[in-house]
Amino acid sequence: MSTPLLTAEQRAARIRLLVLDVDGVLTDGRLFFGPHGEALKVFDVRDGHGIKMLMANGVEVAWLSARKSDIVAARAHELGVARVLQGRSDKASAFAGLLKDVKMSGDDSGYIGDDLPDLPAMRMAGFAATVADGCAAAKAAAHWIAPQRGGRGAVRALAEFIVQAKGADTTVMVHG
């Protein structure tokens, strides 16, 4: 007997851990460099609210980036995201290590990425998502594609999709 295929909603309802790529998902992927060589990034406030919405509904959120940035660490801290893996170009290994640390299987996890380095982690997750401007391979691997571009509310849309799939109310204001 074969196992029935799960819908995107069914997969999303199972998520206990959501891992977010940073550049191209939480940001639009562009890097601005200041006069002293510091890299600047722009985050969407709506995505931050979506992250808090997920955490308020029992979903642990982690960030995974191939780059290292103090700005990323500061934004994660501001939102209460405790697991931030930076400088990890082998995203499959980092994702597998994270699953081991939190004692979860891939089936209980979700991953949103936008480009080729994200594909191995997307394939390991029980639920894979990408942004509207993700590369063709990321779109092909995704169970769900955000209508928004990276850094423009895509994480908020994903958060609402997951929370609704879990049967919770997305209109409740999340404080903190």
N, C-alpha and C. Protein backbone atom coordinates (compact mmCIF):
# COMPACT_ATOMS: atom_id res chain seq x y z
N MET A 1 0.84 -1.18 0.00
CA MET A 1 0.00 0.00 0.00
C MET A 1 0.89 1.24 0.00
N SER A 2 0.60 2.17 -0.87
CA SER A 2 1.42 3.38 -0.95
C SER A 2 0.88 4.45 0.00
N THR A 3 1.79 5.28 0.46
CA THR A 3 1.42 6.38 1.34
C THR A 3 0.82 7.50 0.48
N PRO A 4 -0.33 8.02 0.87
CA PRO A 4 -0.92 9.10 0.07
C PRO A 4 -0.04 10.35 0.13
N LEU A 5 -0.03 11.09 -0.96
CA LEU A 5 0.73 12.34 -0.99
C LEU A 5 0.05 13.36 -0.09
N LEU A 6 0.86 14.11 0.63
CA LEU A 6 0.32 15.15 1.50
C LEU A 6 0.21 16.45 0.74
N THR A 7 -0.84 17.20 1.01
CA THR A 7 -0.98 18.53 0.42
C THR A 7 -0.03 19.50 1.14
N ALA A 8 0.15 20.65 0.54
CA ALA A 8 0.98 21.68 1.18
C ALA A 8 0.41 22.04 2.55
N GLU A 9 -0.91 22.13 2.66
CA GLU A 9 -1.54 22.47 3.94
C GLU A 9 -1.28 21.39 4.99
N GLN A 10 -1.37 20.13 4.60
CA GLN A 10 -1.11 19.04 5.54
C GLN A 10 0.34 19.05 6.00
N ARG A 11 1.24 19.31 5.07
CA ARG A 11 2.66 19.39 5.42
C ARG A 11 2.91 20.57 6.37
N ALA A 12 2.31 21.71 6.07
CA ALA A 12 2.50 22.91 6.89
C ALA A 12 1.95 22.71 8.30
N ALA A 13 0.86 21.98 8.42
CA ALA A 13 0.25 21.75 9.74
C ALA A 13 1.17 20.95 10.66
N ARG A 14 2.10 20.19 10.10
CA ARG A 14 3.00 19.35 10.89
C ARG A 14 4.25 20.09 11.38
N ILE A 15 4.49 21.28 10.87
CA ILE A 15 5.75 21.97 11.15
C ILE A 15 5.87 22.34 12.62
N ARG A 16 6.99 21.93 13.21
CA ARG A 16 7.36 22.34 14.57
C ARG A 16 8.61 23.21 14.56
N LEU A 17 9.35 23.14 13.45
CA LEU A 17 10.56 23.94 13.26
C LEU A 17 10.55 24.48 11.85
N LEU A 18 10.69 25.80 11.71
CA LEU A 18 10.80 26.43 10.39
C LEU A 18 12.16 27.10 10.29
N VAL A 19 12.92 26.72 9.28
CA VAL A 19 14.24 27.29 9.05
C VAL A 19 14.15 28.25 7.86
N LEU A 20 14.65 29.46 8.07
CA LEU A 20 14.59 30.51 7.06
C LEU A 20 15.98 30.82 6.54
N ASP A 21 16.15 30.79 5.23
CA ASP A 21 17.33 31.36 4.62
C ASP A 21 17.25 32.87 4.85
N VAL A 22 18.37 33.54 4.85
CA VAL A 22 18.36 34.98 5.12
C VAL A 22 18.38 35.79 3.83
N ASP A 23 19.50 35.76 3.10
CA ASP A 23 19.63 36.59 1.90
C ASP A 23 18.75 36.04 0.79
N GLY A 24 17.79 36.84 0.36
CA GLY A 24 16.87 36.43 -0.69
C GLY A 24 15.53 35.97 -0.16
N VAL A 25 15.44 35.72 1.15
CA VAL A 25 14.17 35.33 1.78
C VAL A 25 13.76 36.40 2.79
N LEU A 26 14.57 36.57 3.83
CA LEU A 26 14.30 37.62 4.81
C LEU A 26 14.70 39.00 4.28
N THR A 27 15.61 39.01 3.32
CA THR A 27 15.99 40.26 2.65
C THR A 27 15.74 40.07 1.16
N ASP A 28 15.88 41.15 0.41
CA ASP A 28 15.67 41.03 -1.04
C ASP A 28 16.90 40.51 -1.76
N GLY A 29 17.93 40.16 -1.01
CA GLY A 29 19.13 39.58 -1.59
C GLY A 29 20.19 40.59 -1.98
N ARG A 30 19.83 41.87 -1.96
CA ARG A 30 20.82 42.88 -2.30
C ARG A 30 21.65 43.22 -1.07
N LEU A 31 22.91 43.59 -1.30
CA LEU A 31 23.80 44.01 -0.22
C LEU A 31 24.23 45.44 -0.49
N PHE A 32 24.12 46.27 0.52
CA PHE A 32 24.59 47.64 0.44
C PHE A 32 25.82 47.73 1.33
N PHE A 33 26.87 48.37 0.84
CA PHE A 33 28.08 48.51 1.64
C PHE A 33 28.27 49.96 2.05
N GLY A 34 28.47 50.16 3.36
CA GLY A 34 28.69 51.49 3.90
C GLY A 34 30.10 51.96 3.61
N PRO A 35 30.41 53.19 4.00
CA PRO A 35 31.71 53.79 3.69
C PRO A 35 32.88 53.08 4.36
N HIS A 36 32.61 52.30 5.38
CA HIS A 36 33.68 51.59 6.07
C HIS A 36 33.66 50.09 5.76
N GLY A 37 32.94 49.72 4.70
CA GLY A 37 32.91 48.33 4.26
C GLY A 37 31.86 47.47 4.92
N GLU A 38 31.07 48.05 5.82
CA GLU A 38 30.05 47.26 6.50
C GLU A 38 28.89 46.97 5.55
N ALA A 39 28.40 45.73 5.56
CA ALA A 39 27.27 45.34 4.72
C ALA A 39 25.98 45.71 5.42
N LEU A 40 25.08 46.32 4.69
CA LEU A 40 23.78 46.71 5.22
C LEU A 40 22.70 45.89 4.53
N LYS A 41 21.67 45.52 5.28
CA LYS A 41 20.56 44.73 4.75
C LYS A 41 19.26 45.37 5.19
N VAL A 42 18.21 45.12 4.45
CA VAL A 42 16.88 45.65 4.78
C VAL A 42 15.96 44.48 5.08
N PHE A 43 15.28 44.55 6.22
CA PHE A 43 14.31 43.53 6.63
C PHE A 43 12.92 44.15 6.61
N ASP A 44 11.92 43.36 6.28
CA ASP A 44 10.53 43.82 6.24
C ASP A 44 9.90 43.61 7.61
N VAL A 45 9.30 44.64 8.17
CA VAL A 45 8.68 44.57 9.49
C VAL A 45 7.57 43.51 9.50
N ARG A 46 6.85 43.38 8.38
CA ARG A 46 5.77 42.37 8.32
C ARG A 46 6.32 40.96 8.49
N ASP A 47 7.51 40.71 7.95
CA ASP A 47 8.12 39.40 8.14
C ASP A 47 8.42 39.16 9.61
N GLY A 48 8.86 40.20 10.30
CA GLY A 48 9.13 40.09 11.73
C GLY A 48 7.88 39.72 12.51
N HIS A 49 6.77 40.34 12.14
CA HIS A 49 5.51 40.00 12.81
C HIS A 49 5.13 38.55 12.51
N GLY A 50 5.36 38.11 11.29
CA GLY A 50 5.08 36.72 10.93
C GLY A 50 5.91 35.75 11.74
N ILE A 51 7.16 36.07 11.97
CA ILE A 51 8.04 35.22 12.78
C ILE A 51 7.50 35.13 14.20
N LYS A 52 7.08 36.25 14.76
CA LYS A 52 6.51 36.23 16.11
C LYS A 52 5.20 35.45 16.14
N MET A 53 4.42 35.54 15.08
CA MET A 53 3.17 34.80 14.98
C MET A 53 3.46 33.29 15.01
N LEU A 54 4.47 32.87 14.27
CA LEU A 54 4.84 31.45 14.27
C LEU A 54 5.25 30.99 15.66
N MET A 55 6.12 31.76 16.30
CA MET A 55 6.61 31.38 17.63
C MET A 55 5.48 31.36 18.64
N ALA A 56 4.54 32.29 18.53
CA ALA A 56 3.39 32.33 19.44
C ALA A 56 2.48 31.12 19.24
N ASN A 57 2.60 30.47 18.09
CA ASN A 57 1.79 29.29 17.79
C ASN A 57 2.60 28.00 17.86
N GLY A 58 3.70 28.03 18.60
CA GLY A 58 4.45 26.82 18.89
C GLY A 58 5.43 26.36 17.83
N VAL A 59 5.71 27.20 16.85
CA VAL A 59 6.68 26.84 15.82
C VAL A 59 8.02 27.48 16.17
N GLU A 60 9.05 26.65 16.34
CA GLU A 60 10.38 27.19 16.58
C GLU A 60 10.92 27.70 15.25
N VAL A 61 11.57 28.86 15.28
CA VAL A 61 12.10 29.47 14.07
C VAL A 61 13.62 29.55 14.19
N ALA A 62 14.30 29.18 13.11
CA ALA A 62 15.76 29.28 13.04
C ALA A 62 16.13 29.95 11.73
N TRP A 63 17.28 30.61 11.73
CA TRP A 63 17.79 31.26 10.52
C TRP A 63 19.08 30.57 10.11
N LEU A 64 19.27 30.41 8.80
CA LEU A 64 20.45 29.75 8.26
C LEU A 64 20.98 30.57 7.10
N SER A 65 22.25 30.97 7.19
CA SER A 65 22.83 31.82 6.15
C SER A 65 24.26 31.39 5.83
N ALA A 66 24.61 31.48 4.57
CA ALA A 66 25.99 31.21 4.17
C ALA A 66 26.90 32.37 4.54
N ARG A 67 26.34 33.55 4.69
CA ARG A 67 27.11 34.73 5.04
C ARG A 67 27.09 34.96 6.55
N LYS A 68 28.03 35.76 7.04
CA LYS A 68 28.04 36.18 8.45
C LYS A 68 27.76 37.67 8.49
N SER A 69 26.90 38.07 9.42
CA SER A 69 26.54 39.48 9.52
C SER A 69 26.07 39.82 10.92
N ASP A 70 26.65 40.87 11.48
CA ASP A 70 26.20 41.36 12.78
C ASP A 70 24.77 41.87 12.70
N ILE A 71 24.39 42.41 11.54
CA ILE A 71 23.03 42.92 11.36
C ILE A 71 22.02 41.79 11.47
N VAL A 72 22.34 40.65 10.88
CA VAL A 72 21.45 39.48 10.95
C VAL A 72 21.31 39.03 12.40
N ALA A 73 22.42 38.95 13.11
CA ALA A 73 22.37 38.53 14.52
C ALA A 73 21.54 39.51 15.34
N ALA A 74 21.68 40.80 15.08
CA ALA A 74 20.93 41.81 15.83
C ALA A 74 19.43 41.71 15.55
N ARG A 75 19.06 41.52 14.28
CA ARG A 75 17.64 41.41 13.94
C ARG A 75 17.04 40.14 14.54
N ALA A 76 17.77 39.05 14.48
CA ALA A 76 17.28 37.80 15.07
C ALA A 76 17.07 37.97 16.58
N HIS A 77 18.03 38.59 17.24
CA HIS A 77 17.92 38.83 18.69
C HIS A 77 16.70 39.69 18.99
N GLU A 78 16.49 40.72 18.20
CA GLU A 78 15.35 41.62 18.40
C GLU A 78 14.02 40.86 18.31
N LEU A 79 13.97 39.86 17.43
CA LEU A 79 12.74 39.08 17.25
C LEU A 79 12.63 37.88 18.18
N GLY A 80 13.70 37.58 18.92
CA GLY A 80 13.68 36.43 19.82
C GLY A 80 14.02 35.12 19.14
N VAL A 81 14.67 35.18 17.98
CA VAL A 81 15.10 33.97 17.28
C VAL A 81 16.44 33.55 17.88
N ALA A 82 16.44 32.44 18.59
CA ALA A 82 17.64 32.01 19.32
C ALA A 82 18.61 31.22 18.45
N ARG A 83 18.10 30.50 17.48
CA ARG A 83 18.96 29.65 16.64
C ARG A 83 19.26 30.37 15.33
N VAL A 84 20.47 30.90 15.24
CA VAL A 84 20.92 31.62 14.05
C VAL A 84 22.24 31.01 13.63
N LEU A 85 22.23 30.31 12.51
CA LEU A 85 23.43 29.66 11.99
C LEU A 85 23.94 30.49 10.83
N GLN A 86 25.11 31.10 11.00
CA GLN A 86 25.70 31.95 9.97
C GLN A 86 27.03 31.38 9.52
N GLY A 87 27.43 31.75 8.31
CA GLY A 87 28.68 31.27 7.75
C GLY A 87 28.63 29.79 7.42
N ARG A 88 27.45 29.30 7.09
CA ARG A 88 27.25 27.87 6.83
C ARG A 88 26.88 27.66 5.37
N SER A 89 27.88 27.52 4.51
CA SER A 89 27.61 27.35 3.08
C SER A 89 27.05 25.96 2.76
N ASP A 90 27.37 24.96 3.58
CA ASP A 90 26.79 23.62 3.40
C ASP A 90 25.49 23.58 4.18
N LYS A 91 24.43 24.01 3.53
CA LYS A 91 23.15 24.15 4.22
C LYS A 91 22.53 22.80 4.58
N ALA A 92 22.80 21.77 3.80
CA ALA A 92 22.27 20.44 4.13
C ALA A 92 22.86 19.95 5.44
N SER A 93 24.15 20.09 5.61
CA SER A 93 24.82 19.67 6.85
C SER A 93 24.33 20.51 8.03
N ALA A 94 24.22 21.81 7.83
CA ALA A 94 23.75 22.68 8.91
C ALA A 94 22.32 22.35 9.29
N PHE A 95 21.47 22.09 8.30
CA PHE A 95 20.07 21.75 8.55
C PHE A 95 19.98 20.42 9.28
N ALA A 96 20.75 19.43 8.84
CA ALA A 96 20.74 18.12 9.50
C ALA A 96 21.20 18.24 10.95
N GLY A 97 22.23 19.05 11.19
CA GLY A 97 22.70 19.27 12.55
C GLY A 97 21.67 19.95 13.42
N LEU A 98 20.96 20.89 12.84
CA LEU A 98 19.90 21.58 13.57
C LEU A 98 18.78 20.62 13.94
N LEU A 99 18.37 19.78 13.00
CA LEU A 99 17.33 18.78 13.30
C LEU A 99 17.78 17.87 14.43
N LYS A 100 19.04 17.47 14.40
CA LYS A 100 19.57 16.60 15.47
C LYS A 100 19.55 17.33 16.81
N ASP A 101 19.95 18.61 16.81
CA ASP A 101 19.98 19.39 18.05
C ASP A 101 18.61 19.53 18.69
N VAL A 102 17.58 19.70 17.85
CA VAL A 102 16.23 19.90 18.39
C VAL A 102 15.45 18.58 18.48
N LYS A 103 16.13 17.48 18.12
CA LYS A 103 15.54 16.14 18.21
C LYS A 103 14.24 16.04 17.41
N MET A 104 14.32 16.45 16.15
CA MET A 104 13.17 16.38 15.25
C MET A 104 13.57 15.68 13.96
N SER A 105 12.59 15.16 13.29
CA SER A 105 12.82 14.60 11.96
C SER A 105 12.53 15.67 10.92
N GLY A 106 12.99 15.42 9.72
CA GLY A 106 12.70 16.35 8.63
C GLY A 106 11.21 16.53 8.41
N ASP A 107 10.42 15.48 8.69
CA ASP A 107 8.97 15.54 8.48
C ASP A 107 8.31 16.64 9.31
N ASP A 108 8.89 16.96 10.46
CA ASP A 108 8.33 17.97 11.36
C ASP A 108 8.88 19.37 11.09
N SER A 109 9.63 19.51 10.00
CA SER A 109 10.30 20.78 9.74
C SER A 109 9.88 21.38 8.41
N GLY A 110 10.12 22.67 8.32
CA GLY A 110 9.93 23.40 7.07
C GLY A 110 11.17 24.20 6.77
N TYR A 111 11.39 24.48 5.51
CA TYR A 111 12.54 25.28 5.09
C TYR A 111 12.10 26.18 3.95
N ILE A 112 12.45 27.45 4.03
CA ILE A 112 12.20 28.37 2.92
C ILE A 112 13.53 28.91 2.43
N GLY A 113 13.78 28.71 1.15
CA GLY A 113 15.00 29.18 0.51
C GLY A 113 14.66 29.76 -0.85
N ASP A 114 15.67 30.34 -1.49
CA ASP A 114 15.40 31.00 -2.77
C ASP A 114 16.35 30.63 -3.89
N ASP A 115 17.42 29.88 -3.59
CA ASP A 115 18.42 29.68 -4.63
C ASP A 115 19.06 28.29 -4.51
N LEU A 116 19.96 27.99 -5.42
CA LEU A 116 20.55 26.66 -5.52
C LEU A 116 21.17 26.14 -4.23
N PRO A 117 21.89 26.97 -3.44
CA PRO A 117 22.46 26.43 -2.20
C PRO A 117 21.41 25.94 -1.20
N ASP A 118 20.17 26.37 -1.35
CA ASP A 118 19.10 25.97 -0.44
C ASP A 118 18.47 24.63 -0.80
N LEU A 119 18.66 24.17 -2.02
CA LEU A 119 17.96 22.98 -2.50
C LEU A 119 18.15 21.74 -1.62
N PRO A 120 19.37 21.40 -1.20
CA PRO A 120 19.51 20.19 -0.37
C PRO A 120 18.70 20.27 0.92
N ALA A 121 18.69 21.42 1.57
CA ALA A 121 17.91 21.57 2.81
C ALA A 121 16.42 21.54 2.50
N MET A 122 16.01 22.15 1.41
CA MET A 122 14.60 22.13 1.02
C MET A 122 14.13 20.69 0.83
N ARG A 123 14.98 19.87 0.23
CA ARG A 123 14.61 18.48 -0.04
C ARG A 123 14.58 17.63 1.23
N MET A 124 15.29 18.05 2.26
CA MET A 124 15.31 17.32 3.54
C MET A 124 14.09 17.64 4.40
N ALA A 125 13.49 18.79 4.17
CA ALA A 125 12.38 19.26 5.01
C ALA A 125 11.07 18.60 4.59
N GLY A 126 10.19 18.43 5.55
CA GLY A 126 8.87 17.90 5.26
C GLY A 126 8.02 18.88 4.47
N PHE A 127 8.34 20.17 4.60
CA PHE A 127 7.63 21.23 3.88
C PHE A 127 8.68 22.19 3.34
N ALA A 128 8.69 22.39 2.03
CA ALA A 128 9.65 23.30 1.40
C ALA A 128 8.89 24.45 0.76
N ALA A 129 9.44 25.65 0.93
CA ALA A 129 8.81 26.84 0.36
C ALA A 129 9.87 27.71 -0.29
N THR A 130 9.42 28.59 -1.15
CA THR A 130 10.31 29.58 -1.74
C THR A 130 9.54 30.88 -1.94
N VAL A 131 10.26 31.89 -2.37
CA VAL A 131 9.69 33.22 -2.59
C VAL A 131 9.34 33.38 -4.06
N ALA A 132 8.55 34.40 -4.38
CA ALA A 132 8.10 34.62 -5.76
C ALA A 132 9.25 34.78 -6.73
N ASP A 133 10.36 35.36 -6.26
CA ASP A 133 11.51 35.55 -7.13
C ASP A 133 12.61 34.51 -6.89
N GLY A 134 12.24 33.37 -6.33
CA GLY A 134 13.19 32.28 -6.17
C GLY A 134 13.58 31.72 -7.53
N CYS A 135 14.72 31.06 -7.60
CA CYS A 135 15.16 30.49 -8.87
C CYS A 135 14.22 29.35 -9.28
N ALA A 136 14.27 28.97 -10.54
CA ALA A 136 13.38 27.94 -11.08
C ALA A 136 13.52 26.62 -10.33
N ALA A 137 14.73 26.25 -9.96
CA ALA A 137 14.94 24.99 -9.25
C ALA A 137 14.32 25.03 -7.86
N ALA A 138 14.38 26.17 -7.19
CA ALA A 138 13.74 26.30 -5.87
C ALA A 138 12.23 26.21 -6.01
N LYS A 139 11.70 26.82 -7.05
CA LYS A 139 10.25 26.73 -7.28
C LYS A 139 9.83 25.30 -7.57
N ALA A 140 10.64 24.57 -8.31
CA ALA A 140 10.32 23.17 -8.63
C ALA A 140 10.36 22.29 -7.39
N ALA A 141 11.23 22.61 -6.43
CA ALA A 141 11.37 21.81 -5.21
C ALA A 141 10.36 22.18 -4.13
N ALA A 142 9.70 23.32 -4.29
CA ALA A 142 8.83 23.85 -3.24
C ALA A 142 7.44 23.21 -3.25
N HIS A 143 6.90 23.03 -2.04
CA HIS A 143 5.50 22.64 -1.88
C HIS A 143 4.60 23.86 -1.92
N TRP A 144 5.19 25.04 -1.65
CA TRP A 144 4.43 26.29 -1.58
C TRP A 144 5.34 27.42 -2.03
N ILE A 145 4.79 28.35 -2.81
CA ILE A 145 5.54 29.51 -3.30
C ILE A 145 4.83 30.77 -2.83
N ALA A 146 5.56 31.62 -2.13
CA ALA A 146 4.98 32.88 -1.65
C ALA A 146 4.63 33.77 -2.83
N PRO A 147 3.53 34.50 -2.73
CA PRO A 147 3.21 35.45 -3.80
C PRO A 147 4.12 36.68 -3.77
N GLN A 148 4.82 36.89 -2.65
CA GLN A 148 5.70 38.04 -2.50
C GLN A 148 7.16 37.65 -2.80
N ARG A 149 7.92 38.66 -3.16
CA ARG A 149 9.36 38.49 -3.37
C ARG A 149 10.07 38.42 -2.02
N GLY A 150 11.28 37.92 -2.03
CA GLY A 150 12.09 37.89 -0.82
C GLY A 150 12.29 39.28 -0.26
N GLY A 151 12.22 39.41 1.07
CA GLY A 151 12.40 40.70 1.72
C GLY A 151 11.23 41.63 1.58
N ARG A 152 10.12 41.14 1.05
CA ARG A 152 8.95 41.99 0.79
C ARG A 152 7.67 41.39 1.36
N GLY A 153 7.79 40.66 2.47
CA GLY A 153 6.60 40.10 3.11
C GLY A 153 6.36 38.63 2.82
N ALA A 154 7.28 37.97 2.14
CA ALA A 154 7.11 36.54 1.83
C ALA A 154 7.06 35.69 3.09
N VAL A 155 7.89 36.02 4.08
CA VAL A 155 7.89 35.24 5.32
C VAL A 155 6.58 35.45 6.07
N ARG A 156 6.04 36.64 6.03
CA ARG A 156 4.74 36.90 6.67
C ARG A 156 3.66 36.05 6.01
N ALA A 157 3.65 36.00 4.68
CA ALA A 157 2.66 35.19 3.96
C ALA A 157 2.82 33.72 4.33
N LEU A 158 4.05 33.25 4.42
CA LEU A 158 4.30 31.87 4.81
C LEU A 158 3.83 31.62 6.23
N ALA A 159 4.10 32.54 7.13
CA ALA A 159 3.66 32.39 8.52
C ALA A 159 2.15 32.27 8.59
N GLU A 160 1.44 33.10 7.86
CA GLU A 160 -0.02 33.03 7.86
C GLU A 160 -0.49 31.69 7.29
N PHE A 161 0.16 31.21 6.24
CA PHE A 161 -0.21 29.92 5.65
C PHE A 161 -0.03 28.79 6.67
N ILE A 162 1.10 28.79 7.37
CA ILE A 162 1.37 27.73 8.36
C ILE A 162 0.39 27.82 9.53
N VAL A 163 0.21 29.01 10.06
CA VAL A 163 -0.68 29.18 11.21
C VAL A 163 -2.12 28.79 10.84
N GLN A 164 -2.57 29.18 9.67
CA GLN A 164 -3.90 28.78 9.22
C GLN A 164 -3.99 27.27 9.03
N ALA A 165 -2.94 26.65 8.50
CA ALA A 165 -2.93 25.20 8.33
C ALA A 165 -3.04 24.48 9.67
N LYS A 166 -2.52 25.12 10.71
CA LYS A 166 -2.60 24.56 12.06
C LYS A 166 -3.94 24.85 12.72
N GLY A 167 -4.80 25.60 12.03
CA GLY A 167 -6.13 25.90 12.55
C GLY A 167 -6.17 27.05 13.53
N ALA A 168 -5.13 27.87 13.56
CA ALA A 168 -5.07 29.00 14.49
C ALA A 168 -5.47 30.29 13.78
N ASP A 169 -5.70 31.32 14.57
CA ASP A 169 -6.15 32.62 14.07
C ASP A 169 -4.95 33.50 13.74
N THR A 170 -4.87 33.96 12.52
CA THR A 170 -3.76 34.83 12.11
C THR A 170 -4.03 36.30 12.36
N THR A 171 -5.22 36.63 12.84
CA THR A 171 -5.55 38.04 13.05
C THR A 171 -5.29 38.51 14.47
N VAL A 172 -4.87 37.59 15.34
CA VAL A 172 -4.57 37.96 16.73
C VAL A 172 -3.25 38.72 16.76
N MET A 173 -3.24 39.85 17.42
CA MET A 173 -2.03 40.66 17.51
C MET A 173 -1.01 39.97 18.39
N VAL A 174 0.21 39.88 17.89
CA VAL A 174 1.30 39.29 18.64
C VAL A 174 2.13 40.42 19.23
N HIS A 175 2.32 40.40 20.53
CA HIS A 175 3.09 41.46 21.20
C HIS A 175 4.48 40.95 21.54
N GLY A 176 5.37 41.89 21.73
CA GLY A 176 6.71 41.53 22.17
C GLY A 176 7.74 41.73 21.13
